[in-house]
Amino acid sequence: MLQHLIMDVSIVLKHVLNNGYEHVIQKLVNVSIELDYHQRFFFF
């Protein structure tokens, strides 16, 4: 479990180094919007 988390973190860090923070923040925003959309879709 912990190893998976470390791998995910290292992948994210690689993305940050390759693409810059703005790209990663944009991706996080997109994901959070998608999750929000799915929650609304399922609850209403």
PDB file of N, CA and C in Angstrom:
ATOM      1  N   MET A   1       0.838  -1.199   0.000  1.00  0.00           N
ATOM      2  CA  MET A   1       0.000   0.000   0.000  1.00  0.00           C
ATOM      3  C   MET A   1       0.874   1.251   0.000  1.00  0.00           C
ATOM      4  N   LEU A   2       1.802   1.309   0.958  1.00  0.00           N
ATOM      5  CA  LEU A   2       2.673   2.475   1.065  1.00  0.00           C
ATOM      6  C   LEU A   2       3.537   2.611  -0.175  1.00  0.00           C
ATOM      7  N   GLN A   3       3.980   1.485  -0.711  1.00  0.00           N
ATOM      8  CA  GLN A   3       4.831   1.539  -1.904  1.00  0.00           C
ATOM      9  C   GLN A   3       4.079   2.145  -3.089  1.00  0.00           C
ATOM     10  N   HIS A   4       2.790   1.788  -3.207  1.00  0.00           N
ATOM     11  CA  HIS A   4       1.982   2.372  -4.278  1.00  0.00           C
ATOM     12  C   HIS A   4       1.899   3.881  -4.116  1.00  0.00           C
ATOM     13  N   LEU A   5       1.712   4.318  -2.885  1.00  0.00           N
ATOM     14  CA  LEU A   5       1.610   5.756  -2.612  1.00  0.00           C
ATOM     15  C   LEU A   5       2.902   6.459  -2.990  1.00  0.00           C
ATOM     16  N   ILE A   6       4.034   5.864  -2.619  1.00  0.00           N
ATOM     17  CA  ILE A   6       5.339   6.457  -2.951  1.00  0.00           C
ATOM     18  C   ILE A   6       5.507   6.525  -4.457  1.00  0.00           C
ATOM     19  N   MET A   7       5.100   5.467  -5.162  1.00  0.00           N
ATOM     20  CA  MET A   7       5.188   5.470  -6.621  1.00  0.00           C
ATOM     21  C   MET A   7       4.337   6.587  -7.205  1.00  0.00           C
ATOM     22  N   ASP A   8       3.095   6.742  -6.686  1.00  0.00           N
ATOM     23  CA  ASP A   8       2.213   7.798  -7.180  1.00  0.00           C
ATOM     24  C   ASP A   8       2.839   9.159  -6.960  1.00  0.00           C
ATOM     25  N   VAL A   9       3.413   9.375  -5.778  1.00  0.00           N
ATOM     26  CA  VAL A   9       4.029  10.656  -5.466  1.00  0.00           C
ATOM     27  C   VAL A   9       5.191  10.928  -6.414  1.00  0.00           C
ATOM     28  N   SER A  10       6.013   9.919  -6.659  1.00  0.00           N
ATOM     29  CA  SER A  10       7.164  10.120  -7.544  1.00  0.00           C
ATOM     30  C   SER A  10       6.703  10.413  -8.974  1.00  0.00           C
ATOM     31  N   ILE A  11       5.613   9.762  -9.403  1.00  0.00           N
ATOM     32  CA  ILE A  11       5.065  10.037 -10.738  1.00  0.00           C
ATOM     33  C   ILE A  11       4.583  11.476 -10.811  1.00  0.00           C
ATOM     34  N   VAL A  12       3.888  11.919  -9.755  1.00  0.00           N
ATOM     35  CA  VAL A  12       3.404  13.304  -9.727  1.00  0.00           C
ATOM     36  C   VAL A  12       4.579  14.270  -9.774  1.00  0.00           C
ATOM     37  N   LEU A  13       5.631  13.963  -9.001  1.00  0.00           N
ATOM     38  CA  LEU A  13       6.798  14.847  -8.989  1.00  0.00           C
ATOM     39  C   LEU A  13       7.441  14.909 -10.367  1.00  0.00           C
ATOM     40  N   LYS A  14       7.509  13.768 -11.052  1.00  0.00           N
ATOM     41  CA  LYS A  14       8.049  13.763 -12.410  1.00  0.00           C
ATOM     42  C   LYS A  14       7.218  14.662 -13.319  1.00  0.00           C
ATOM     43  N   HIS A  15       5.896  14.563 -13.185  1.00  0.00           N
ATOM     44  CA  HIS A  15       5.019  15.411 -13.986  1.00  0.00           C
ATOM     45  C   HIS A  15       5.287  16.887 -13.699  1.00  0.00           C
ATOM     46  N   VAL A  16       5.466  17.202 -12.421  1.00  0.00           N
ATOM     47  CA  VAL A  16       5.734  18.598 -12.047  1.00  0.00           C
ATOM     48  C   VAL A  16       7.030  19.065 -12.702  1.00  0.00           C
ATOM     49  N   LEU A  17       8.063  18.228 -12.645  1.00  0.00           N
ATOM     50  CA  LEU A  17       9.351  18.614 -13.228  1.00  0.00           C
ATOM     51  C   LEU A  17       9.247  18.737 -14.741  1.00  0.00           C
ATOM     52  N   ASN A  18       8.478  17.844 -15.366  1.00  0.00           N
ATOM     53  CA  ASN A  18       8.387  17.856 -16.824  1.00  0.00           C
ATOM     54  C   ASN A  18       7.481  18.969 -17.346  1.00  0.00           C
ATOM     55  N   ASN A  19       6.376  19.199 -16.663  1.00  0.00           N
ATOM     56  CA  ASN A  19       5.329  20.071 -17.204  1.00  0.00           C
ATOM     57  C   ASN A  19       5.168  21.377 -16.447  1.00  0.00           C
ATOM     58  N   GLY A  20       5.749  21.467 -15.258  1.00  0.00           N
ATOM     59  CA  GLY A  20       5.561  22.673 -14.453  1.00  0.00           C
ATOM     60  C   GLY A  20       4.320  22.580 -13.581  1.00  0.00           C
ATOM     61  N   TYR A  21       4.279  23.441 -12.593  1.00  0.00           N
ATOM     62  CA  TYR A  21       3.200  23.378 -11.604  1.00  0.00           C
ATOM     63  C   TYR A  21       1.846  23.694 -12.217  1.00  0.00           C
ATOM     64  N   GLU A  22       1.805  24.634 -13.137  1.00  0.00           N
ATOM     65  CA  GLU A  22       0.515  25.076 -13.678  1.00  0.00           C
ATOM     66  C   GLU A  22      -0.241  23.918 -14.307  1.00  0.00           C
ATOM     67  N   HIS A  23       0.489  23.088 -15.061  1.00  0.00           N
ATOM     68  CA  HIS A  23      -0.132  21.944 -15.720  1.00  0.00           C
ATOM     69  C   HIS A  23      -0.719  20.987 -14.680  1.00  0.00           C
ATOM     70  N   VAL A  24       0.043  20.728 -13.623  1.00  0.00           N
ATOM     71  CA  VAL A  24      -0.408  19.783 -12.595  1.00  0.00           C
ATOM     72  C   VAL A  24      -1.621  20.339 -11.860  1.00  0.00           C
ATOM     73  N   ILE A  25      -1.579  21.617 -11.530  1.00  0.00           N
ATOM     74  CA  ILE A  25      -2.721  22.246 -10.845  1.00  0.00           C
ATOM     75  C   ILE A  25      -3.960  22.172 -11.736  1.00  0.00           C
ATOM     76  N   GLN A  26      -3.775  22.444 -13.030  1.00  0.00           N
ATOM     77  CA  GLN A  26      -4.906  22.372 -13.957  1.00  0.00           C
ATOM     78  C   GLN A  26      -5.492  20.965 -13.971  1.00  0.00           C
ATOM     79  N   LYS A  27      -4.620  19.958 -13.947  1.00  0.00           N
ATOM     80  CA  LYS A  27      -5.080  18.573 -13.957  1.00  0.00           C
ATOM     81  C   LYS A  27      -5.868  18.259 -12.690  1.00  0.00           C
ATOM     82  N   LEU A  28      -5.355  18.718 -11.539  1.00  0.00           N
ATOM     83  CA  LEU A  28      -6.052  18.499 -10.275  1.00  0.00           C
ATOM     84  C   LEU A  28      -7.423  19.164 -10.296  1.00  0.00           C
ATOM     85  N   VAL A  29      -7.479  20.372 -10.844  1.00  0.00           N
ATOM     86  CA  VAL A  29      -8.762  21.072 -10.939  1.00  0.00           C
ATOM     87  C   VAL A  29      -9.726  20.274 -11.811  1.00  0.00           C
ATOM     88  N   ASN A  30      -9.236  19.775 -12.933  1.00  0.00           N
ATOM     89  CA  ASN A  30     -10.093  18.992 -13.825  1.00  0.00           C
ATOM     90  C   ASN A  30     -10.613  17.747 -13.123  1.00  0.00           C
ATOM     91  N   VAL A  31      -9.743  17.064 -12.378  1.00  0.00           N
ATOM     92  CA  VAL A  31     -10.147  15.849 -11.674  1.00  0.00           C
ATOM     93  C   VAL A  31     -11.197  16.173 -10.618  1.00  0.00           C
ATOM     94  N   SER A  32     -10.959  17.245  -9.855  1.00  0.00           N
ATOM     95  CA  SER A  32     -11.911  17.591  -8.793  1.00  0.00           C
ATOM     96  C   SER A  32     -13.266  17.977  -9.385  1.00  0.00           C
ATOM     97  N   ILE A  33     -13.251  18.645 -10.546  1.00  0.00           N
ATOM     98  CA  ILE A  33     -14.511  18.994 -11.219  1.00  0.00           C
ATOM     99  C   ILE A  33     -15.216  17.716 -11.661  1.00  0.00           C
ATOM    100  N   GLU A  34     -14.471  16.776 -12.201  1.00  0.00           N
ATOM    101  CA  GLU A  34     -15.067  15.510 -12.641  1.00  0.00           C
ATOM    102  C   GLU A  34     -15.685  14.766 -11.474  1.00  0.00           C
ATOM    103  N   LEU A  35     -14.947  14.686 -10.344  1.00  0.00           N
ATOM    104  CA  LEU A  35     -15.466  13.996  -9.168  1.00  0.00           C
ATOM    105  C   LEU A  35     -16.735  14.671  -8.670  1.00  0.00           C
ATOM    106  N   ASP A  36     -16.722  15.991  -8.644  1.00  0.00           N
ATOM    107  CA  ASP A  36     -17.882  16.759  -8.217  1.00  0.00           C
ATOM    108  C   ASP A  36     -19.068  16.441  -9.116  1.00  0.00           C
ATOM    109  N   TYR A  37     -18.813  16.406 -10.421  1.00  0.00           N
ATOM    110  CA  TYR A  37     -19.861  16.105 -11.393  1.00  0.00           C
ATOM    111  C   TYR A  37     -20.436  14.710 -11.157  1.00  0.00           C
ATOM    112  N   HIS A  38     -19.551  13.735 -10.933  1.00  0.00           N
ATOM    113  CA  HIS A  38     -20.012  12.361 -10.727  1.00  0.00           C
ATOM    114  C   HIS A  38     -20.839  12.252  -9.452  1.00  0.00           C
ATOM    115  N   GLN A  39     -20.400  12.941  -8.396  1.00  0.00           N
ATOM    116  CA  GLN A  39     -21.149  12.887  -7.143  1.00  0.00           C
ATOM    117  C   GLN A  39     -22.553  13.456  -7.339  1.00  0.00           C
ATOM    118  N   ARG A  40     -22.648  14.580  -8.014  1.00  0.00           N
ATOM    119  CA  ARG A  40     -23.958  15.172  -8.269  1.00  0.00           C
ATOM    120  C   ARG A  40     -24.794  14.244  -9.127  1.00  0.00           C
ATOM    121  N   PHE A  41     -24.148  13.654 -10.104  1.00  0.00           N
ATOM    122  CA  PHE A  41     -24.853  12.773 -11.024  1.00  0.00           C
ATOM    123  C   PHE A  41     -25.454  11.587 -10.272  1.00  0.00           C
ATOM    124  N   PHE A  42     -24.694  11.044  -9.315  1.00  0.00           N
ATOM    125  CA  PHE A  42     -25.178   9.870  -8.594  1.00  0.00           C
ATOM    126  C   PHE A  42     -26.174  10.233  -7.498  1.00  0.00           C
ATOM    127  N   PHE A  43     -26.021  11.404  -6.906  1.00  0.00           N
ATOM    128  CA  PHE A  43     -26.867  11.735  -5.764  1.00  0.00           C
ATOM    129  C   PHE A  43     -28.200  12.356  -6.173  1.00  0.00           C
ATOM    130  N   PHE A  44     -28.267  12.933  -7.378  1.00  0.00           N
ATOM    131  CA  PHE A  44     -29.521  13.602  -7.749  1.00  0.00           C
ATOM    132  C   PHE A  44     -30.218  12.913  -8.914  1.00  0.00           C
TER     133      PHE A  44
END
